[in-house]
């Protein structure tokens, strides 16, 4: 039948689409792939002015930075004015990397979220 003849084409299309999506995945987020426990980082991505401000206030609470460092957490703040990737480490201060527009767009496309306030882990 016509449908049966198109199944291989459909599967090929899905496979190619999957490969293209993986290739298009955020170049920025690809740095967080890990090979062992010591290099594993967990990401929290926060978007939107209100959500970013709430997350920043929460990380400034007593003992919170130690908790984040213990769990190898990075928080990526996708604010309009100062997008940052903040890495929390034990025995040293937080490392802040300022993101450019290309990094911000890569992250947004990788997580597939639109505008507005949101956060994901």
PDB file of N, CA and C in Angstrom:
ATOM      1  N   UNK A   1       0.833  -1.186   0.000  1.00  0.00           N
ATOM      2  CA  UNK A   1       0.000   0.000   0.000  1.00  0.00           C
ATOM      3  C   UNK A   1       0.869   1.238   0.000  1.00  0.00           C
ATOM      4  N   UNK A   2       0.232   2.357  -0.236  1.00  0.00           N
ATOM      5  CA  UNK A   2       0.955   3.627  -0.301  1.00  0.00           C
ATOM      6  C   UNK A   2       1.556   3.988   1.057  1.00  0.00           C
ATOM      7  N   UNK A   3       0.803   3.715   2.122  1.00  0.00           N
ATOM      8  CA  UNK A   3       1.292   4.023   3.464  1.00  0.00           C
ATOM      9  C   UNK A   3       2.522   3.191   3.802  1.00  0.00           C
ATOM     10  N   UNK A   4       2.482   1.902   3.466  1.00  0.00           N
ATOM     11  CA  UNK A   4       3.612   1.023   3.761  1.00  0.00           C
ATOM     12  C   UNK A   4       4.863   1.470   3.009  1.00  0.00           C
ATOM     13  N   UNK A   5       4.705   1.961   1.802  1.00  0.00           N
ATOM     14  CA  UNK A   5       5.850   2.422   1.027  1.00  0.00           C
ATOM     15  C   UNK A   5       6.459   3.683   1.627  1.00  0.00           C
ATOM     16  N   UNK A   6       5.647   4.483   2.310  1.00  0.00           N
ATOM     17  CA  UNK A   6       6.136   5.737   2.886  1.00  0.00           C
ATOM     18  C   UNK A   6       6.716   5.575   4.283  1.00  0.00           C
ATOM     19  N   UNK A   7       6.560   4.414   4.914  1.00  0.00           N
ATOM     20  CA  UNK A   7       7.072   4.222   6.274  1.00  0.00           C
ATOM     21  C   UNK A   7       8.587   4.389   6.324  1.00  0.00           C
ATOM     22  N   UNK A   8       9.362   3.766   5.408  1.00  0.00           N
ATOM     23  CA  UNK A   8      10.816   4.001   5.463  1.00  0.00           C
ATOM     24  C   UNK A   8      11.167   5.478   5.276  1.00  0.00           C
ATOM     25  N   UNK A   9      10.446   6.169   4.395  1.00  0.00           N
ATOM     26  CA  UNK A   9      10.701   7.596   4.192  1.00  0.00           C
ATOM     27  C   UNK A   9      10.392   8.379   5.458  1.00  0.00           C
ATOM     28  N   UNK A  10       9.306   8.016   6.123  1.00  0.00           N
ATOM     29  CA  UNK A  10       8.922   8.687   7.361  1.00  0.00           C
ATOM     30  C   UNK A  10       9.954   8.445   8.453  1.00  0.00           C
ATOM     31  N   UNK A  11      10.426   7.207   8.546  1.00  0.00           N
ATOM     32  CA  UNK A  11      11.449   6.893   9.550  1.00  0.00           C
ATOM     33  C   UNK A  11      12.747   7.639   9.256  1.00  0.00           C
ATOM     34  N   UNK A  12      13.110   7.701   7.988  1.00  0.00           N
ATOM     35  CA  UNK A  12      14.312   8.432   7.599  1.00  0.00           C
ATOM     36  C   UNK A  12      14.167   9.910   7.922  1.00  0.00           C
ATOM     37  N   UNK A  13      12.996  10.469   7.636  1.00  0.00           N
ATOM     38  CA  UNK A  13      12.736  11.869   7.954  1.00  0.00           C
ATOM     39  C   UNK A  13      12.859  12.117   9.457  1.00  0.00           C
ATOM     40  N   UNK A  14      12.281  11.222  10.270  1.00  0.00           N
ATOM     41  CA  UNK A  14      12.367  11.373  11.735  1.00  0.00           C
ATOM     42  C   UNK A  14      13.812  11.277  12.206  1.00  0.00           C
ATOM     43  N   UNK A  15      14.545  10.331  11.647  1.00  0.00           N
ATOM     44  CA  UNK A  15      15.939  10.170  12.023  1.00  0.00           C
ATOM     45  C   UNK A  15      16.748  11.410  11.662  1.00  0.00           C
ATOM     46  N   UNK A  16      16.570  11.907  10.449  1.00  0.00           N
ATOM     47  CA  UNK A  16      17.282  13.120  10.035  1.00  0.00           C
ATOM     48  C   UNK A  16      16.884  14.322  10.874  1.00  0.00           C
ATOM     49  N   UNK A  17      15.596  14.424  11.192  1.00  0.00           N
ATOM     50  CA  UNK A  17      15.133  15.523  12.038  1.00  0.00           C
ATOM     51  C   UNK A  17      15.769  15.442  13.414  1.00  0.00           C
ATOM     52  N   UNK A  18      15.820  14.240  13.960  1.00  0.00           N
ATOM     53  CA  UNK A  18      16.433  14.036  15.269  1.00  0.00           C
ATOM     54  C   UNK A  18      17.907  14.426  15.244  1.00  0.00           C
ATOM     55  N   UNK A  19      18.614  14.023  14.188  1.00  0.00           N
ATOM     56  CA  UNK A  19      20.028  14.358  14.077  1.00  0.00           C
ATOM     57  C   UNK A  19      20.232  15.863  13.947  1.00  0.00           C
ATOM     58  N   UNK A  20      19.398  16.523  13.165  1.00  0.00           N
ATOM     59  CA  UNK A  20      19.529  17.967  13.000  1.00  0.00           C
ATOM     60  C   UNK A  20      19.245  18.701  14.296  1.00  0.00           C
ATOM     61  N   UNK A  21      18.260  18.229  15.040  1.00  0.00           N
ATOM     62  CA  UNK A  21      17.957  18.852  16.323  1.00  0.00           C
ATOM     63  C   UNK A  21      19.138  18.688  17.260  1.00  0.00           C
ATOM     64  N   UNK A  22      19.725  17.498  17.293  1.00  0.00           N
ATOM     65  CA  UNK A  22      20.884  17.291  18.152  1.00  0.00           C
ATOM     66  C   UNK A  22      22.059  18.156  17.733  1.00  0.00           C
ATOM     67  N   UNK A  23      22.257  18.317  16.415  1.00  0.00           N
ATOM     68  CA  UNK A  23      23.330  19.187  15.948  1.00  0.00           C
ATOM     69  C   UNK A  23      23.052  20.640  16.294  1.00  0.00           C
ATOM     70  N   UNK A  24      21.793  21.009  16.266  1.00  0.00           N
ATOM     71  CA  UNK A  24      21.419  22.385  16.544  1.00  0.00           C
ATOM     72  C   UNK A  24      21.294  22.660  18.031  1.00  0.00           C
ATOM     73  N   UNK A  25      21.409  21.611  18.848  1.00  0.00           N
ATOM     74  CA  UNK A  25      21.309  21.816  20.290  1.00  0.00           C
ATOM     75  C   UNK A  25      22.316  22.886  20.693  1.00  0.00           C
ATOM     76  N   UNK A  26      22.031  23.498  21.750  1.00  0.00           N
ATOM     77  CA  UNK A  26      22.833  24.611  22.211  1.00  0.00           C
ATOM     78  C   UNK A  26      24.313  24.284  22.293  1.00  0.00           C
ATOM     79  N   UNK A  27      25.084  25.033  21.576  1.00  0.00           N
ATOM     80  CA  UNK A  27      26.518  24.896  21.702  1.00  0.00           C
ATOM     81  C   UNK A  27      26.939  25.289  23.107  1.00  0.00           C
ATOM     82  N   UNK A  28      26.236  26.240  23.684  1.00  0.00           N
ATOM     83  CA  UNK A  28      26.591  26.685  25.023  1.00  0.00           C
ATOM     84  C   UNK A  28      26.356  25.579  26.044  1.00  0.00           C
ATOM     85  N   UNK A  29      25.203  24.933  25.991  1.00  0.00           N
ATOM     86  CA  UNK A  29      24.888  23.898  26.973  1.00  0.00           C
ATOM     87  C   UNK A  29      25.708  22.638  26.779  1.00  0.00           C
ATOM     88  N   UNK A  30      26.298  22.451  25.610  1.00  0.00           N
ATOM     89  CA  UNK A  30      27.075  21.237  25.362  1.00  0.00           C
ATOM     90  C   UNK A  30      28.287  21.139  26.286  1.00  0.00           C
ATOM     91  N   UNK A  31      28.744  22.229  26.834  1.00  0.00           N
ATOM     92  CA  UNK A  31      29.881  22.186  27.753  1.00  0.00           C
ATOM     93  C   UNK A  31      29.537  21.480  29.057  1.00  0.00           C
ATOM     94  N   UNK A  32      28.264  21.243  29.310  1.00  0.00           N
ATOM     95  CA  UNK A  32      27.850  20.603  30.551  1.00  0.00           C
ATOM     96  C   UNK A  32      27.677  19.100  30.426  1.00  0.00           C
ATOM     97  N   UNK A  33      28.072  18.527  29.297  1.00  0.00           N
ATOM     98  CA  UNK A  33      28.092  17.069  29.199  1.00  0.00           C
ATOM     99  C   UNK A  33      29.267  16.599  30.047  1.00  0.00           C
ATOM    100  N   UNK A  34      29.119  15.478  30.715  1.00  0.00           N
ATOM    101  CA  UNK A  34      30.161  15.057  31.642  1.00  0.00           C
ATOM    102  C   UNK A  34      30.541  13.610  31.410  1.00  0.00           C
ATOM    103  N   UNK A  35      31.718  13.258  31.903  1.00  0.00           N
ATOM    104  CA  UNK A  35      32.208  11.897  31.765  1.00  0.00           C
ATOM    105  C   UNK A  35      32.359  11.195  33.107  1.00  0.00           C
ATOM    106  N   UNK A  36      32.394  11.952  34.199  1.00  0.00           N
ATOM    107  CA  UNK A  36      32.460  11.322  35.513  1.00  0.00           C
ATOM    108  C   UNK A  36      31.795  12.227  36.550  1.00  0.00           C
ATOM    109  N   UNK A  37      31.615  11.714  37.745  1.00  0.00           N
ATOM    110  CA  UNK A  37      30.889  12.425  38.788  1.00  0.00           C
ATOM    111  C   UNK A  37      31.558  13.749  39.152  1.00  0.00           C
ATOM    112  N   UNK A  38      32.886  13.796  39.143  1.00  0.00           N
ATOM    113  CA  UNK A  38      33.603  14.995  39.566  1.00  0.00           C
ATOM    114  C   UNK A  38      33.405  16.167  38.618  1.00  0.00           C
ATOM    115  N   UNK A  39      33.102  15.902  37.369  1.00  0.00           N
ATOM    116  CA  UNK A  39      32.911  16.986  36.423  1.00  0.00           C
ATOM    117  C   UNK A  39      31.445  17.283  36.153  1.00  0.00           C
ATOM    118  N   UNK A  40      30.545  16.552  36.771  1.00  0.00           N
ATOM    119  CA  UNK A  40      29.113  16.736  36.516  1.00  0.00           C
ATOM    120  C   UNK A  40      28.633  18.047  37.139  1.00  0.00           C
ATOM    121  N   UNK A  41      27.949  18.842  36.343  1.00  0.00           N
ATOM    122  CA  UNK A  41      27.336  20.080  36.820  1.00  0.00           C
ATOM    123  C   UNK A  41      25.846  19.968  36.593  1.00  0.00           C
ATOM    124  N   UNK A  42      25.070  20.443  37.538  1.00  0.00           N
ATOM    125  CA  UNK A  42      23.621  20.483  37.394  1.00  0.00           C
ATOM    126  C   UNK A  42      23.224  21.916  37.070  1.00  0.00           C
ATOM    127  N   UNK A  43      22.273  22.052  36.173  1.00  0.00           N
ATOM    128  CA  UNK A  43      21.885  23.376  35.701  1.00  0.00           C
ATOM    129  C   UNK A  43      20.498  23.756  36.176  1.00  0.00           C
ATOM    130  N   UNK A  44      20.387  24.998  36.569  1.00  0.00           N
ATOM    131  CA  UNK A  44      19.101  25.648  36.778  1.00  0.00           C
ATOM    132  C   UNK A  44      19.108  26.820  35.817  1.00  0.00           C
ATOM    133  N   UNK A  45      18.091  26.895  34.967  1.00  0.00           N
ATOM    134  CA  UNK A  45      18.004  27.993  34.000  1.00  0.00           C
ATOM    135  C   UNK A  45      16.790  28.828  34.371  1.00  0.00           C
ATOM    136  N   UNK A  46      17.008  30.122  34.545  1.00  0.00           N
ATOM    137  CA  UNK A  46      15.958  31.035  34.996  1.00  0.00           C
ATOM    138  C   UNK A  46      15.777  32.131  33.957  1.00  0.00           C
ATOM    139  N   UNK A  47      14.537  32.375  33.533  1.00  0.00           N
ATOM    140  CA  UNK A  47      14.208  33.366  32.508  1.00  0.00           C
ATOM    141  C   UNK A  47      13.177  34.344  33.053  1.00  0.00           C
ATOM    142  N   UNK A  48      13.329  35.604  32.705  1.00  0.00           N
ATOM    143  CA  UNK A  48      12.333  36.616  33.054  1.00  0.00           C
ATOM    144  C   UNK A  48      12.763  37.447  34.243  1.00  0.00           C
ATOM    145  N   UNK A  49      12.471  38.738  34.169  1.00  0.00           N
ATOM    146  CA  UNK A  49      12.912  39.678  35.203  1.00  0.00           C
ATOM    147  C   UNK A  49      12.508  39.298  36.609  1.00  0.00           C
ATOM    148  N   UNK A  50      11.236  39.008  36.829  1.00  0.00           N
ATOM    149  CA  UNK A  50      10.769  38.674  38.177  1.00  0.00           C
ATOM    150  C   UNK A  50      11.385  37.377  38.680  1.00  0.00           C
ATOM    151  N   UNK A  51      11.422  36.368  37.835  1.00  0.00           N
ATOM    152  CA  UNK A  51      11.966  35.069  38.233  1.00  0.00           C
ATOM    153  C   UNK A  51      13.459  35.163  38.514  1.00  0.00           C
ATOM    154  N   UNK A  52      14.182  35.922  37.712  1.00  0.00           N
ATOM    155  CA  UNK A  52      15.628  36.090  37.913  1.00  0.00           C
ATOM    156  C   UNK A  52      15.886  36.779  39.246  1.00  0.00           C
ATOM    157  N   UNK A  53      15.132  37.839  39.540  1.00  0.00           N
ATOM    158  CA  UNK A  53      15.330  38.549  40.806  1.00  0.00           C
ATOM    159  C   UNK A  53      15.018  37.653  42.005  1.00  0.00           C
ATOM    160  N   UNK A  54      13.958  36.875  41.920  1.00  0.00           N
ATOM    161  CA  UNK A  54      13.625  35.946  43.008  1.00  0.00           C
ATOM    162  C   UNK A  54      14.732  34.916  43.200  1.00  0.00           C
ATOM    163  N   UNK A  55      15.243  34.377  42.107  1.00  0.00           N
ATOM    164  CA  UNK A  55      16.309  33.373  42.197  1.00  0.00           C
ATOM    165  C   UNK A  55      17.581  33.987  42.781  1.00  0.00           C
ATOM    166  N   UNK A  56      17.915  35.198  42.384  1.00  0.00           N
ATOM    167  CA  UNK A  56      19.114  35.859  42.936  1.00  0.00           C
ATOM    168  C   UNK A  56      18.976  36.095  44.438  1.00  0.00           C
ATOM    169  N   UNK A  57      17.787  36.548  44.858  1.00  0.00           N
ATOM    170  CA  UNK A  57      17.567  36.749  46.306  1.00  0.00           C
ATOM    171  C   UNK A  57      17.667  35.431  47.059  1.00  0.00           C
ATOM    172  N   UNK A  58      17.140  34.371  46.486  1.00  0.00           N
ATOM    173  CA  UNK A  58      17.168  33.070  47.152  1.00  0.00           C
ATOM    174  C   UNK A  58      18.598  32.554  47.308  1.00  0.00           C
ATOM    175  N   UNK A  59      19.455  32.800  46.317  1.00  0.00           N
ATOM    176  CA  UNK A  59      20.838  32.319  46.414  1.00  0.00           C
ATOM    177  C   UNK A  59      21.654  33.118  47.423  1.00  0.00           C
ATOM    178  N   UNK A  60      21.192  34.320  47.751  1.00  0.00           N
ATOM    179  CA  UNK A  60      21.903  35.140  48.731  1.00  0.00           C
ATOM    180  C   UNK A  60      21.526  34.798  50.167  1.00  0.00           C
ATOM    181  N   UNK A  61      20.557  33.909  50.354  1.00  0.00           N
ATOM    182  CA  UNK A  61      20.142  33.517  51.704  1.00  0.00           C
ATOM    183  C   UNK A  61      21.290  32.806  52.410  1.00  0.00           C
ATOM    184  N   UNK A  62      21.299  32.881  53.726  1.00  0.00           N
ATOM    185  CA  UNK A  62      22.346  32.284  54.558  1.00  0.00           C
ATOM    186  C   UNK A  62      22.509  30.793  54.245  1.00  0.00           C
ATOM    187  N   UNK A  63      23.721  30.388  53.878  1.00  0.00           N
ATOM    188  CA  UNK A  63      24.032  28.991  53.644  1.00  0.00           C
ATOM    189  C   UNK A  63      23.621  28.457  52.281  1.00  0.00           C
ATOM    190  N   UNK A  64      22.916  29.228  51.496  1.00  0.00           N
ATOM    191  CA  UNK A  64      22.426  28.722  50.214  1.00  0.00           C
ATOM    192  C   UNK A  64      23.554  28.500  49.218  1.00  0.00           C
ATOM    193  N   UNK A  65      24.541  29.380  49.167  1.00  0.00           N
ATOM    194  CA  UNK A  65      25.635  29.196  48.212  1.00  0.00           C
ATOM    195  C   UNK A  65      26.422  27.930  48.524  1.00  0.00           C
ATOM    196  N   UNK A  66      26.567  27.605  49.800  1.00  0.00           N
ATOM    197  CA  UNK A  66      27.224  26.353  50.181  1.00  0.00           C
ATOM    198  C   UNK A  66      26.402  25.162  49.701  1.00  0.00           C
ATOM    199  N   UNK A  67      25.088  25.239  49.852  1.00  0.00           N
ATOM    200  CA  UNK A  67      24.208  24.163  49.379  1.00  0.00           C
ATOM    201  C   UNK A  67      24.327  23.984  47.868  1.00  0.00           C
ATOM    202  N   UNK A  68      24.354  25.086  47.142  1.00  0.00           N
ATOM    203  CA  UNK A  68      24.475  25.019  45.685  1.00  0.00           C
ATOM    204  C   UNK A  68      25.843  24.462  45.274  1.00  0.00           C
ATOM    205  N   UNK A  69      26.883  24.860  45.974  1.00  0.00           N
ATOM    206  CA  UNK A  69      28.227  24.373  45.672  1.00  0.00           C
ATOM    207  C   UNK A  69      28.343  22.877  45.956  1.00  0.00           C
ATOM    208  N   UNK A  70      27.759  22.425  47.043  1.00  0.00           N
ATOM    209  CA  UNK A  70      27.804  21.004  47.401  1.00  0.00           C
ATOM    210  C   UNK A  70      27.174  20.148  46.315  1.00  0.00           C
ATOM    211  N   UNK A  71      26.182  20.685  45.642  1.00  0.00           N
ATOM    212  CA  UNK A  71      25.460  19.939  44.615  1.00  0.00           C
ATOM    213  C   UNK A  71      25.957  20.233  43.194  1.00  0.00           C
ATOM    214  N   UNK A  72      27.089  20.940  43.078  1.00  0.00           N
ATOM    215  CA  UNK A  72      27.677  21.267  41.762  1.00  0.00           C
ATOM    216  C   UNK A  72      26.677  21.946  40.847  1.00  0.00           C
ATOM    217  N   UNK A  73      26.075  23.006  41.313  1.00  0.00           N
ATOM    218  CA  UNK A  73      25.015  23.668  40.548  1.00  0.00           C
ATOM    219  C   UNK A  73      25.521  24.932  39.868  1.00  0.00           C
ATOM    220  N   UNK A  74      25.070  25.099  38.635  1.00  0.00           N
ATOM    221  CA  UNK A  74      25.201  26.360  37.899  1.00  0.00           C
ATOM    222  C   UNK A  74      23.801  26.924  37.747  1.00  0.00           C
ATOM    223  N   UNK A  75      23.676  28.218  37.898  1.00  0.00           N
ATOM    224  CA  UNK A  75      22.410  28.886  37.602  1.00  0.00           C
ATOM    225  C   UNK A  75      22.665  29.815  36.421  1.00  0.00           C
ATOM    226  N   UNK A  76      21.905  29.596  35.371  1.00  0.00           N
ATOM    227  CA  UNK A  76      21.989  30.460  34.197  1.00  0.00           C
ATOM    228  C   UNK A  76      20.829  31.440  34.282  1.00  0.00           C
ATOM    229  N   UNK A  77      21.161  32.710  34.463  1.00  0.00           N
ATOM    230  CA  UNK A  77      20.162  33.776  34.547  1.00  0.00           C
ATOM    231  C   UNK A  77      20.000  34.390  33.160  1.00  0.00           C
ATOM    232  N   UNK A  78      18.834  34.231  32.579  1.00  0.00           N
ATOM    233  CA  UNK A  78      18.570  34.794  31.251  1.00  0.00           C
ATOM    234  C   UNK A  78      17.796  36.100  31.396  1.00  0.00           C
ATOM    235  N   UNK A  79      18.395  37.052  32.080  1.00  0.00           N
ATOM    236  CA  UNK A  79      17.754  38.354  32.248  1.00  0.00           C
ATOM    237  C   UNK A  79      18.043  39.201  31.022  1.00  0.00           C
ATOM    238  N   UNK A  80      17.207  40.202  30.819  1.00  0.00           N
ATOM    239  CA  UNK A  80      17.358  41.069  29.648  1.00  0.00           C
ATOM    240  C   UNK A  80      18.636  41.903  29.717  1.00  0.00           C
ATOM    241  N   UNK A  81      18.968  42.396  30.909  1.00  0.00           N
ATOM    242  CA  UNK A  81      20.073  43.340  31.023  1.00  0.00           C
ATOM    243  C   UNK A  81      21.418  42.702  31.361  1.00  0.00           C
ATOM    244  N   UNK A  82      21.434  41.577  32.095  1.00  0.00           N
ATOM    245  CA  UNK A  82      22.697  40.983  32.513  1.00  0.00           C
ATOM    246  C   UNK A  82      22.621  39.462  32.525  1.00  0.00           C
ATOM    247  N   UNK A  83      22.556  38.815  31.368  1.00  0.00           N
ATOM    248  CA  UNK A  83      22.515  37.351  31.384  1.00  0.00           C
ATOM    249  C   UNK A  83      23.846  36.790  31.885  1.00  0.00           C
ATOM    250  N   UNK A  84      23.765  35.822  32.800  1.00  0.00           N
ATOM    251  CA  UNK A  84      24.969  35.266  33.413  1.00  0.00           C
ATOM    252  C   UNK A  84      24.825  33.769  33.629  1.00  0.00           C
ATOM    253  N   UNK A  85      25.973  33.118  33.680  1.00  0.00           N
ATOM    254  CA  UNK A  85      26.085  31.731  34.104  1.00  0.00           C
ATOM    255  C   UNK A  85      26.915  31.764  35.379  1.00  0.00           C
ATOM    256  N   UNK A  86      26.304  31.431  36.505  1.00  0.00           N
ATOM    257  CA  UNK A  86      26.987  31.480  37.794  1.00  0.00           C
ATOM    258  C   UNK A  86      27.228  30.047  38.264  1.00  0.00           C
ATOM    259  N   UNK A  87      28.495  29.683  38.429  1.00  0.00           N
ATOM    260  CA  UNK A  87      28.890  28.350  38.893  1.00  0.00           C
ATOM    261  C   UNK A  87      29.266  28.442  40.366  1.00  0.00           C
ATOM    262  N   UNK A  88      28.689  27.574  41.173  1.00  0.00           N
ATOM    263  CA  UNK A  88      28.969  27.546  42.605  1.00  0.00           C
ATOM    264  C   UNK A  88      29.910  26.385  42.904  1.00  0.00           C
ATOM    265  N   UNK A  89      31.025  26.699  43.591  1.00  0.00           N
ATOM    266  CA  UNK A  89      32.044  25.707  43.917  1.00  0.00           C
ATOM    267  C   UNK A  89      32.360  25.756  45.403  1.00  0.00           C
ATOM    268  N   UNK A  90      32.730  24.602  45.966  1.00  0.00           N
ATOM    269  CA  UNK A  90      33.205  24.559  47.342  1.00  0.00           C
ATOM    270  C   UNK A  90      34.616  25.132  47.406  1.00  0.00           C
ATOM    271  N   UNK A  91      34.965  25.727  48.527  1.00  0.00           N
ATOM    272  CA  UNK A  91      36.304  26.242  48.800  1.00  0.00           C
ATOM    273  C   UNK A  91      36.774  27.345  47.863  1.00  0.00           C
ATOM    274  N   UNK A  92      35.866  27.945  47.153  1.00  0.00           N
ATOM    275  CA  UNK A  92      36.180  29.133  46.354  1.00  0.00           C
ATOM    276  C   UNK A  92      34.866  29.845  46.064  1.00  0.00           C
ATOM    277  N   UNK A  93      34.963  31.063  45.678  1.00  0.00           N
ATOM    278  CA  UNK A  93      33.765  31.835  45.399  1.00  0.00           C
ATOM    279  C   UNK A  93      33.064  31.376  44.131  1.00  0.00           C
ATOM    280  N   UNK A  94      31.902  31.922  43.922  1.00  0.00           N
ATOM    281  CA  UNK A  94      31.150  31.615  42.708  1.00  0.00           C
ATOM    282  C   UNK A  94      31.871  32.223  41.506  1.00  0.00           C
ATOM    283  N   UNK A  95      31.852  31.498  40.392  1.00  0.00           N
ATOM    284  CA  UNK A  95      32.418  32.002  39.147  1.00  0.00           C
ATOM    285  C   UNK A  95      31.275  32.517  38.279  1.00  0.00           C
ATOM    286  N   UNK A  96      31.428  33.750  37.815  1.00  0.00           N
ATOM    287  CA  UNK A  96      30.386  34.382  37.008  1.00  0.00           C
ATOM    288  C   UNK A  96      30.897  34.565  35.590  1.00  0.00           C
ATOM    289  N   UNK A  97      30.123  34.058  34.639  1.00  0.00           N
ATOM    290  CA  UNK A  97      30.433  34.259  33.228  1.00  0.00           C
ATOM    291  C   UNK A  97      29.286  35.049  32.625  1.00  0.00           C
ATOM    292  N   UNK A  98      29.602  36.180  32.025  1.00  0.00           N
ATOM    293  CA  UNK A  98      28.583  37.001  31.371  1.00  0.00           C
ATOM    294  C   UNK A  98      28.304  36.408  29.989  1.00  0.00           C
ATOM    295  N   UNK A  99      27.034  36.276  29.660  1.00  0.00           N
ATOM    296  CA  UNK A  99      26.626  35.653  28.406  1.00  0.00           C
ATOM    297  C   UNK A  99      26.320  36.710  27.350  1.00  0.00           C
ATOM    298  N   UNK A 100      26.676  36.394  26.117  1.00  0.00           N
ATOM    299  CA  UNK A 100      26.315  37.295  25.023  1.00  0.00           C
ATOM    300  C   UNK A 100      24.973  36.849  24.433  1.00  0.00           C
ATOM    301  N   UNK A 101      24.467  37.620  23.490  1.00  0.00           N
ATOM    302  CA  UNK A 101      23.155  37.324  22.905  1.00  0.00           C
ATOM    303  C   UNK A 101      23.111  35.955  22.237  1.00  0.00           C
ATOM    304  N   UNK A 102      24.194  35.553  21.598  1.00  0.00           N
ATOM    305  CA  UNK A 102      24.228  34.244  20.935  1.00  0.00           C
ATOM    306  C   UNK A 102      24.099  33.117  21.956  1.00  0.00           C
ATOM    307  N   UNK A 103      24.795  33.238  23.094  1.00  0.00           N
ATOM    308  CA  UNK A 103      24.687  32.231  24.155  1.00  0.00           C
ATOM    309  C   UNK A 103      23.260  32.147  24.682  1.00  0.00           C
ATOM    310  N   UNK A 104      22.653  33.309  24.909  1.00  0.00           N
ATOM    311  CA  UNK A 104      21.281  33.353  25.427  1.00  0.00           C
ATOM    312  C   UNK A 104      20.325  32.670  24.458  1.00  0.00           C
ATOM    313  N   UNK A 105      20.448  32.979  23.178  1.00  0.00           N
ATOM    314  CA  UNK A 105      19.564  32.368  22.182  1.00  0.00           C
ATOM    315  C   UNK A 105      19.802  30.862  22.064  1.00  0.00           C
ATOM    316  N   UNK A 106      21.061  30.428  22.178  1.00  0.00           N
ATOM    317  CA  UNK A 106      21.361  28.997  22.152  1.00  0.00           C
ATOM    318  C   UNK A 106      20.700  28.268  23.310  1.00  0.00           C
ATOM    319  N   UNK A 107      20.785  28.847  24.485  1.00  0.00           N
ATOM    320  CA  UNK A 107      20.171  28.222  25.666  1.00  0.00           C
ATOM    321  C   UNK A 107      18.657  28.163  25.501  1.00  0.00           C
ATOM    322  N   UNK A 108      18.065  29.266  25.092  1.00  0.00           N
ATOM    323  CA  UNK A 108      16.606  29.304  24.925  1.00  0.00           C
ATOM    324  C   UNK A 108      16.134  28.281  23.897  1.00  0.00           C
ATOM    325  N   UNK A 109      16.844  28.169  22.787  1.00  0.00           N
ATOM    326  CA  UNK A 109      16.414  27.207  21.774  1.00  0.00           C
ATOM    327  C   UNK A 109      16.619  25.775  22.244  1.00  0.00           C
ATOM    328  N   UNK A 110      17.656  25.545  23.044  1.00  0.00           N
ATOM    329  CA  UNK A 110      17.914  24.186  23.532  1.00  0.00           C
ATOM    330  C   UNK A 110      16.841  23.712  24.508  1.00  0.00           C
ATOM    331  N   UNK A 111      16.335  24.618  25.331  1.00  0.00           N
ATOM    332  CA  UNK A 111      15.321  24.211  26.312  1.00  0.00           C
ATOM    333  C   UNK A 111      13.912  24.332  25.760  1.00  0.00           C
ATOM    334  N   UNK A 112      13.770  25.008  24.631  1.00  0.00           N
ATOM    335  CA  UNK A 112      12.469  25.072  23.977  1.00  0.00           C
ATOM    336  C   UNK A 112      11.411  25.839  24.727  1.00  0.00           C
ATOM    337  N   UNK A 113      11.825  26.855  25.432  1.00  0.00           N
ATOM    338  CA  UNK A 113      10.871  27.692  26.163  1.00  0.00           C
ATOM    339  C   UNK A 113      10.798  29.060  25.519  1.00  0.00           C
ATOM    340  N   UNK A 114       9.650  29.688  25.638  1.00  0.00           N
ATOM    341  CA  UNK A 114       9.464  31.018  25.068  1.00  0.00           C
ATOM    342  C   UNK A 114       9.813  32.106  26.063  1.00  0.00           C
ATOM    343  N   UNK A 115       9.214  33.247  25.838  1.00  0.00           N
ATOM    344  CA  UNK A 115       9.465  34.380  26.721  1.00  0.00           C
ATOM    345  C   UNK A 115       8.622  34.243  27.984  1.00  0.00           C
ATOM    346  N   UNK A 116       8.706  35.218  28.841  1.00  0.00           N
ATOM    347  CA  UNK A 116       7.982  35.179  30.097  1.00  0.00           C
ATOM    348  C   UNK A 116       8.871  34.685  31.224  1.00  0.00           C
ATOM    349  N   UNK A 117       8.273  34.509  32.397  1.00  0.00           N
ATOM    350  CA  UNK A 117       9.010  34.040  33.565  1.00  0.00           C
ATOM    351  C   UNK A 117       8.911  32.523  33.657  1.00  0.00           C
ATOM    352  N   UNK A 118      10.056  31.849  33.733  1.00  0.00           N
ATOM    353  CA  UNK A 118      10.089  30.409  33.929  1.00  0.00           C
ATOM    354  C   UNK A 118      11.440  29.987  34.470  1.00  0.00           C
ATOM    355  N   UNK A 119      11.473  28.821  35.033  1.00  0.00           N
ATOM    356  CA  UNK A 119      12.726  28.227  35.521  1.00  0.00           C
ATOM    357  C   UNK A 119      12.647  26.727  35.304  1.00  0.00           C
ATOM    358  N   UNK A 120      13.789  26.120  34.947  1.00  0.00           N
ATOM    359  CA  UNK A 120      13.852  24.671  34.784  1.00  0.00           C
ATOM    360  C   UNK A 120      15.123  24.154  35.423  1.00  0.00           C
ATOM    361  N   UNK A 121      15.089  22.906  35.788  1.00  0.00           N
ATOM    362  CA  UNK A 121      16.267  22.232  36.360  1.00  0.00           C
ATOM    363  C   UNK A 121      16.730  21.184  35.369  1.00  0.00           C
TER     364      UNK A 121
END
